[in-house]
Protein backbone atom coordinates (compact mmCIF):
# COMPACT_ATOMS: atom_id res chain seq x y z
CA MET A 1 -1.08 206.45 94.21
CA GLN A 2 -1.64 210.11 94.95
CA LYS A 3 -4.65 211.76 93.38
CA ILE A 4 -4.63 215.11 91.64
CA LEU A 5 -7.36 217.31 90.25
CA LEU A 6 -6.56 218.50 86.73
CA VAL A 7 -8.63 221.34 85.24
CA THR A 8 -8.20 221.52 81.48
CA ASP A 9 -7.95 224.39 79.04
CA ILE A 10 -10.64 225.16 76.45
CA PHE A 11 -9.86 221.97 74.52
CA GLY A 12 -11.19 219.91 77.43
CA ASP A 13 -10.57 216.27 78.24
CA SER A 14 -8.98 214.08 75.58
CA THR A 15 -7.78 210.55 74.98
CA GLN A 16 -4.25 211.90 74.64
CA LEU A 17 -4.42 213.57 78.05
CA ARG A 18 -5.71 210.36 79.65
CA GLU A 19 -2.95 208.34 77.99
CA THR A 20 -0.29 210.76 79.26
CA LEU A 21 -1.65 210.56 82.81
CA SER A 22 -1.74 206.78 82.61
CA CYS A 23 1.83 206.56 81.23
CA ILE A 24 3.26 208.49 84.16
CA GLY A 25 1.03 206.73 86.69
CA VAL A 26 -1.01 209.73 87.79
CA ASN A 27 -4.43 209.13 89.30
CA ALA A 28 -6.38 212.22 88.26
CA ILE A 29 -9.88 213.57 88.34
CA VAL A 30 -10.12 215.60 85.14
CA VAL A 31 -12.43 218.60 84.98
CA SER A 32 -13.36 219.89 81.54
CA PRO A 33 -15.64 222.68 80.33
CA TYR A 34 -17.61 220.01 78.47
CA SER A 35 -19.60 217.00 79.63
CA GLU A 36 -17.92 214.75 77.06
CA CYS A 37 -14.65 214.60 75.08
CA LYS A 38 -14.70 216.88 72.06
CA THR A 39 -12.40 217.30 69.09
CA PHE A 40 -11.63 220.73 67.69
CA SER A 41 -9.81 221.62 64.50
CA ASN A 42 -8.28 224.79 65.97
CA GLU A 43 -8.24 227.10 68.98
CA ALA A 44 -10.87 229.46 67.56
CA GLU A 45 -13.33 226.58 67.31
CA ALA A 46 -12.49 225.45 70.87
CA TYR A 47 -12.89 229.00 72.15
CA GLN A 48 -16.32 229.34 70.56
CA ALA A 49 -17.38 226.04 72.15
CA PHE A 50 -16.05 227.27 75.50
CA LEU A 51 -18.06 230.48 75.22
CA ALA A 52 -21.15 228.48 74.23
CA THR A 53 -20.90 226.53 77.51
CA GLY A 54 -21.02 229.80 79.47
CA GLY A 55 -17.33 230.70 79.53
CA LEU A 56 -15.29 231.15 82.68
CA ASP A 57 -18.23 231.70 85.03
CA ALA A 58 -19.82 228.40 84.00
CA TYR A 59 -16.45 226.65 84.22
CA TYR A 60 -15.98 227.91 87.77
CA ARG A 61 -19.43 226.57 88.71
CA ARG A 62 -18.52 223.21 87.15
CA LEU A 63 -15.33 223.20 89.23
CA LEU A 64 -17.29 223.91 92.43
CA GLN A 65 -19.63 221.06 91.56
CA THR A 66 -16.64 218.73 91.15
CA PHE A 67 -15.29 219.75 94.54
CA SER A 68 -18.69 219.07 96.09
CA GLN A 69 -18.56 215.51 94.69
CA HIS A 70 -15.04 214.68 95.89
CA LYS A 71 -13.29 214.98 99.20
CA VAL A 72 -10.78 217.76 98.58
CA ASP A 73 -8.42 216.39 101.24
CA ASP A 74 -7.92 213.33 99.02
CA PHE A 75 -6.06 215.49 96.52
CA ARG A 76 -2.36 216.22 96.91
CA LEU A 77 -2.28 218.72 94.08
CA ILE A 78 -4.68 220.70 91.92
CA VAL A 79 -3.47 221.76 88.48
CA GLY A 80 -5.09 224.07 85.95
CA PHE A 81 -4.27 225.17 82.43
CA SER A 82 -5.42 228.41 80.78
CA ALA A 83 -9.18 228.75 81.42
CA GLY A 84 -8.86 225.93 83.96
CA ALA A 85 -6.12 227.88 85.74
CA ALA A 86 -8.35 230.96 85.87
CA ALA A 87 -11.23 228.91 87.30
CA LEU A 88 -8.86 227.39 89.88
CA TRP A 89 -7.54 230.85 90.77
CA ARG A 90 -11.08 231.86 91.69
CA PHE A 91 -11.42 228.68 93.75
CA VAL A 92 -8.14 228.96 95.69
CA CYS A 93 -8.95 232.60 96.46
CA SER A 94 -12.50 231.87 97.61
CA ASP A 95 -13.89 230.88 100.99
CA HIS A 96 -14.27 227.36 99.56
CA ALA A 97 -10.49 226.97 99.91
CA VAL A 98 -10.34 228.04 103.57
CA GLY A 99 -9.31 225.17 105.80
CA LEU A 100 -8.10 222.85 103.04
CA ALA A 101 -5.23 220.53 103.82
CA GLN A 102 -2.05 222.44 104.63
CA ASN A 103 -0.07 220.38 102.14
CA LEU A 104 -2.44 220.96 99.22
CA GLU A 105 -0.95 223.06 96.42
CA ALA A 106 -2.32 224.60 93.24
CA TRP A 107 -0.26 224.81 90.06
CA LEU A 108 -1.73 227.27 87.58
CA TYR A 109 -0.26 227.37 84.07
CA TYR A 110 -0.80 230.19 81.57
CA GLY A 111 -4.00 231.42 83.22
CA GLY A 112 -4.24 234.64 81.25
CA GLN A 113 -7.74 235.47 82.52
CA ILE A 114 -6.28 235.77 86.02
CA ARG A 115 -5.18 239.23 84.87
CA HIS A 116 -8.76 240.40 85.50
CA GLU A 117 -8.65 239.23 89.14
CA LEU A 118 -5.19 240.19 90.35
CA ASP A 119 -6.59 241.63 93.56
CA LEU A 120 -7.68 238.20 94.87
CA LEU A 121 -5.64 236.44 97.55
CA PRO A 122 -5.19 232.66 97.63
CA LYS A 123 -5.91 230.60 100.73
CA ILE A 124 -3.49 227.78 99.82
CA ASN A 125 0.01 227.62 98.32
CA THR A 126 -0.34 228.60 94.68
CA VAL A 127 2.25 228.41 91.93
CA LEU A 128 1.57 230.66 88.94
CA ARG A 129 3.43 229.89 85.71
CA TRP A 130 2.72 232.60 83.17
CA SER A 131 3.51 232.16 79.50
CA LEU A 132 4.60 234.79 77.03
CA GLU A 133 1.50 236.66 75.88
CA THR A 134 0.76 239.18 73.15
CA GLN A 135 -2.69 240.37 74.31
CA PHE A 136 -1.64 241.76 77.70
CA ASP A 137 1.43 242.63 79.77
CA VAL A 138 2.29 239.35 81.46
CA TRP A 139 5.18 240.97 83.32
CA GLN A 140 2.77 243.39 84.98
CA CYS A 141 0.66 240.42 86.15
CA HIS A 142 3.75 238.64 87.42
CA GLN A 143 4.87 241.78 89.25
CA ALA A 144 1.43 242.14 90.88
CA MET A 145 1.88 238.65 92.38
CA GLN A 146 5.40 239.13 93.72
CA ASN A 147 4.49 240.14 97.27
CA LYS A 148 1.33 238.10 97.76
CA ALA A 149 1.40 235.55 100.56
CA LEU A 150 1.18 231.90 99.43
CA VAL A 151 2.02 232.79 95.80
CA GLU A 152 5.05 231.80 93.75
CA SER A 153 4.98 233.43 90.33
CA SER A 154 7.25 233.18 87.30
CA VAL A 155 7.11 233.83 83.58
CA LEU A 156 8.19 230.91 81.39
CA PRO A 157 9.82 231.52 77.98
CA TYR A 158 7.05 229.67 76.12
CA GLN A 159 3.86 230.55 74.29
CA HIS A 160 0.38 230.08 75.73
CA GLY A 161 -0.68 226.44 75.55
CA PHE A 162 2.83 224.99 75.47
CA ILE A 163 1.78 221.84 77.39
CA ASN A 164 -1.20 220.92 75.20
CA PRO A 165 -0.41 219.18 71.86
CA GLN A 166 -3.68 220.57 70.47
CA SER A 167 -2.57 224.17 71.04
CA LYS A 168 -0.70 226.19 68.44
CA GLY A 169 1.71 227.18 71.25
CA PHE A 170 2.66 223.56 72.00
CA ILE A 171 6.35 222.87 72.64
CA ALA A 172 7.13 219.17 72.99
CA HIS A 173 10.22 219.46 75.22
CA ALA A 174 8.51 221.98 77.53
CA ALA A 175 5.47 219.72 77.85
CA ALA A 176 7.72 216.75 78.60
CA ASP A 177 9.47 218.81 81.30
CA PHE A 178 6.09 219.61 82.87
CA TRP A 179 4.98 215.96 82.96
CA MET A 180 8.36 214.84 84.38
CA THR A 181 8.14 217.55 87.06
CA LEU A 182 4.62 216.44 87.96
CA GLU A 183 5.64 212.80 88.16
CA ALA A 184 8.71 213.61 90.31
CA TYR A 185 6.66 215.84 92.61
CA LEU A 186 4.09 213.13 93.22
CA GLN A 187 6.75 210.45 93.78
CA ASP A 188 8.50 212.69 96.28
CA ARG A 189 5.21 213.30 98.09
CA VAL A 190 4.59 209.54 98.32
CA GLN A 191 8.03 209.01 99.86
CA VAL A 192 7.48 211.85 102.33
CA SER A 193 4.04 210.59 103.38
CA VAL A 194 5.34 207.07 103.96
CA ALA A 195 8.23 208.16 106.20
């Protein structure tokens, strides 16, 4: 079974996330902004908790700590959502990502905070999937990524958080498409590595 690193949004790790990963047979190391599973009644509450942990800078440090505890070459894919995508963007664009396995990819979904660091350049293949946003011009961010080496960028016709059932932007069919794509990608990689 191929291992992935999954970096959550501000809601963090959850039983539902673990059940989904188990159902599709994904072996994942889950990184969360919090040291334990938390339950939030809404996104504002989750955002306040995220800020209380130190926000994006603290999340990036937590991510670096996770990478120091695991052999990065064991991962076939690293995936981040929202704040997790922004933390991963910093990682894939840092010197920490230099020399990682050539076949390692990063999938970054609705990482709106990346808009503050558009000048960074990734060191590994990075797929950016922007969502429709109201607080900034997502098309401008997408355009800024168009000619960067190792970047594939697109804007999806969904609201921020469409993969997470806890998010107000959740869209069940879009989330199901994501999980099916992830499962198919990993199965294809297993077949390729065996041949």
